[in-house]
Protein backbone atom coordinates (compact mmCIF):
# COMPACT_ATOMS: atom_id res chain seq x y z
CA MET A 1 80.91 80.46 127.72
CA SER A 2 77.37 79.69 126.68
CA LYS A 3 74.55 82.23 126.95
CA ILE A 4 73.14 80.28 129.90
CA THR A 5 76.42 80.22 131.93
CA THR A 6 76.91 83.88 131.20
CA LEU A 7 73.41 84.74 132.44
CA VAL A 8 73.83 82.46 135.48
CA GLU A 9 77.11 84.21 136.30
CA GLU A 10 75.28 87.55 136.28
CA ILE A 11 72.66 86.13 138.58
CA VAL A 12 75.00 84.29 141.00
CA THR A 13 77.68 86.97 141.37
CA PRO A 14 75.64 89.27 143.73
CA ILE A 15 74.66 86.24 145.80
CA LEU A 16 78.29 85.23 146.16
CA ASP A 17 79.44 88.85 146.79
CA ASP A 18 76.83 89.11 149.63
CA MET A 19 78.38 85.97 151.22
CA SER A 20 82.07 86.89 150.53
CA LEU A 21 82.43 83.93 148.19
CA GLU A 22 84.05 83.62 144.81
CA LEU A 23 82.83 82.01 141.62
CA ILE A 24 85.59 79.57 140.56
CA ASP A 25 83.97 77.83 137.62
CA MET A 26 80.71 76.95 136.07
CA GLU A 27 79.52 74.36 133.51
CA TYR A 28 76.27 73.61 131.82
CA VAL A 29 76.50 70.15 130.34
CA LYS A 30 74.43 67.24 129.10
CA GLU A 31 75.34 63.85 130.51
CA GLY A 32 73.27 61.05 129.13
CA SER A 33 69.70 62.38 128.95
CA ASN A 34 70.14 64.80 131.81
CA TRP A 35 71.36 68.49 131.88
CA PHE A 36 73.51 69.76 134.74
CA LEU A 37 74.21 73.26 135.81
CA ARG A 38 77.30 73.11 138.07
CA VAL A 39 78.50 76.09 140.00
CA PHE A 40 81.85 75.85 141.82
CA ILE A 41 82.42 78.36 144.67
CA ASP A 42 85.18 78.96 147.13
CA LYS A 43 86.87 81.41 149.55
CA ASP A 44 90.33 81.53 151.06
CA SER A 45 89.34 79.45 154.13
CA GLY A 46 87.28 77.02 152.02
CA VAL A 47 83.54 76.63 151.77
CA ASP A 48 81.36 74.23 153.71
CA ILE A 49 78.22 72.28 152.79
CA GLU A 50 75.98 74.88 154.56
CA GLU A 51 77.30 77.72 152.31
CA CYS A 52 76.88 75.57 149.18
CA GLY A 53 73.26 74.92 150.32
CA ILE A 54 72.52 78.64 150.89
CA VAL A 55 73.92 79.57 147.47
CA SER A 56 71.97 76.75 145.86
CA GLU A 57 68.68 77.85 147.47
CA ARG A 58 69.11 81.53 146.55
CA LEU A 59 70.33 80.79 143.02
CA SER A 60 67.50 78.32 142.45
CA GLU A 61 64.90 80.94 143.52
CA LYS A 62 66.39 83.52 141.11
CA LEU A 63 66.49 80.94 138.27
CA ASP A 64 62.89 79.97 138.93
CA GLU A 65 61.84 83.66 138.66
CA ILE A 66 63.68 84.28 135.42
CA ASP A 67 63.32 80.73 134.02
CA PRO A 68 66.22 81.04 131.47
CA ILE A 69 66.66 77.33 130.92
CA PRO A 70 63.98 75.82 128.66
CA HIS A 71 64.22 72.25 129.98
CA ASN A 72 64.70 70.31 133.18
CA TYR A 73 68.20 70.31 134.69
CA PHE A 74 70.01 69.57 137.96
CA LEU A 75 71.60 72.46 139.82
CA GLU A 76 74.75 71.49 141.76
CA VAL A 77 76.69 74.01 143.90
CA SER A 78 79.94 72.79 145.32
CA SER A 79 83.58 73.47 146.18
CA PRO A 80 86.00 72.90 143.34
CA GLY A 81 87.94 70.52 145.66
CA ALA A 82 91.60 70.18 146.37
CA GLU A 83 92.53 69.96 142.70
CA ARG A 84 90.71 73.13 141.73
CA PRO A 85 91.03 74.35 138.18
CA LEU A 86 93.22 77.32 137.37
CA LYS A 87 91.45 79.50 134.84
CA LYS A 88 91.73 83.16 135.75
CA ASP A 89 94.85 85.22 136.15
CA LYS A 90 94.21 85.48 139.89
CA ASP A 91 93.91 81.69 140.19
CA PHE A 92 97.39 81.30 138.73
CA GLU A 93 98.79 84.12 140.88
CA LYS A 94 97.40 82.52 144.05
CA ALA A 95 98.97 79.19 142.98
CA ILE A 96 102.52 80.45 142.76
CA GLY A 97 104.68 78.26 144.97
CA LYS A 98 102.14 75.44 144.88
CA ASN A 99 102.20 72.14 143.00
CA VAL A 100 100.21 72.28 139.79
CA TYR A 101 99.35 70.04 136.82
CA VAL A 102 99.31 71.57 133.34
CA LYS A 103 98.31 69.86 130.10
CA THR A 104 99.07 71.56 126.81
CA TYR A 105 97.39 71.45 123.40
CA GLU A 106 100.71 70.63 121.72
CA PRO A 107 103.99 69.22 122.92
CA ILE A 108 106.61 71.45 124.62
CA ASN A 109 109.98 69.81 124.71
CA GLY A 110 108.33 66.64 123.55
CA GLU A 111 105.77 66.53 126.49
CA LYS A 112 102.16 67.56 126.82
CA ALA A 113 101.66 66.99 130.55
CA PHE A 114 103.64 68.66 133.36
CA GLU A 115 103.46 68.56 137.13
CA GLY A 116 105.57 70.72 139.38
CA THR A 117 105.92 73.88 141.42
CA LEU A 118 104.51 77.01 139.80
CA LEU A 119 107.40 79.53 139.94
CA SER A 120 105.90 82.45 138.05
CA TYR A 121 102.95 83.51 136.00
CA THR A 122 102.17 86.26 133.49
CA SER A 123 99.29 86.46 131.13
CA ASP A 124 101.63 85.27 128.41
CA GLU A 125 103.59 82.48 130.12
CA LEU A 126 104.01 80.43 133.23
CA SER A 127 107.15 78.83 134.62
CA LEU A 128 107.14 75.43 136.32
CA GLU A 129 109.83 73.57 138.19
CA VAL A 130 109.39 69.90 137.40
CA THR A 131 111.35 66.96 138.70
CA ILE A 132 112.46 64.38 136.15
CA LYS A 133 113.85 61.39 137.96
CA THR A 134 116.16 63.16 140.39
CA ARG A 135 116.81 66.34 138.46
CA LYS A 136 114.89 69.56 138.69
CA LYS A 137 114.14 71.33 135.43
CA LYS A 138 112.48 74.70 134.66
CA VAL A 139 109.81 74.61 131.97
CA GLU A 140 108.29 77.65 130.34
CA ILE A 141 104.73 77.23 129.01
CA PRO A 142 102.99 79.83 126.91
CA THR A 143 99.49 80.41 128.32
CA ASP A 144 97.83 80.11 124.93
CA LYS A 145 99.10 76.51 124.77
CA ILE A 146 97.43 75.52 128.08
CA ALA A 147 94.51 73.06 127.66
CA ILE A 148 94.03 72.33 131.35
CA ALA A 149 95.59 73.71 134.54
CA ARG A 150 94.76 72.72 138.06
CA LEU A 151 96.26 72.41 141.56
CA ALA A 152 97.81 69.02 142.09
CA VAL A 153 97.69 67.23 145.41
CA THR A 154 100.96 65.52 146.38
CA PHE A 155 101.25 62.71 148.90
CA SER A 156 104.51 62.52 150.83
């Protein structure tokens, strides 16, 4: 994490705690000539646009007071969406039994992308049940090999 996202996390956490919300992810990125500070929040029942607006207002006020970012930027506060990223241990633990997508840094059994039901998770390894054609197969993925992990929406 950059110094800015670390500082913003310290600022936004009490705001989120006060509203019983959770910080899911944050990014501070330059796209074209513009900088964006994106804060993704959620709760078990999901967040609505009003809650995102309140967090945005409160966070913006605090950032204006402290002024930790030396140039102009856009602040965006939103839900991580249906295909939310899985980054923390508790994210993976909550996703057990759900359909997930995992991309690895290097091939495992000749593949780098997997989608299936998350069967189990430890800080060292996760287990997925993937379907290849009509057969179900269990895949073990070391957590240090995970490049990206997120929930995956399936359409029946």
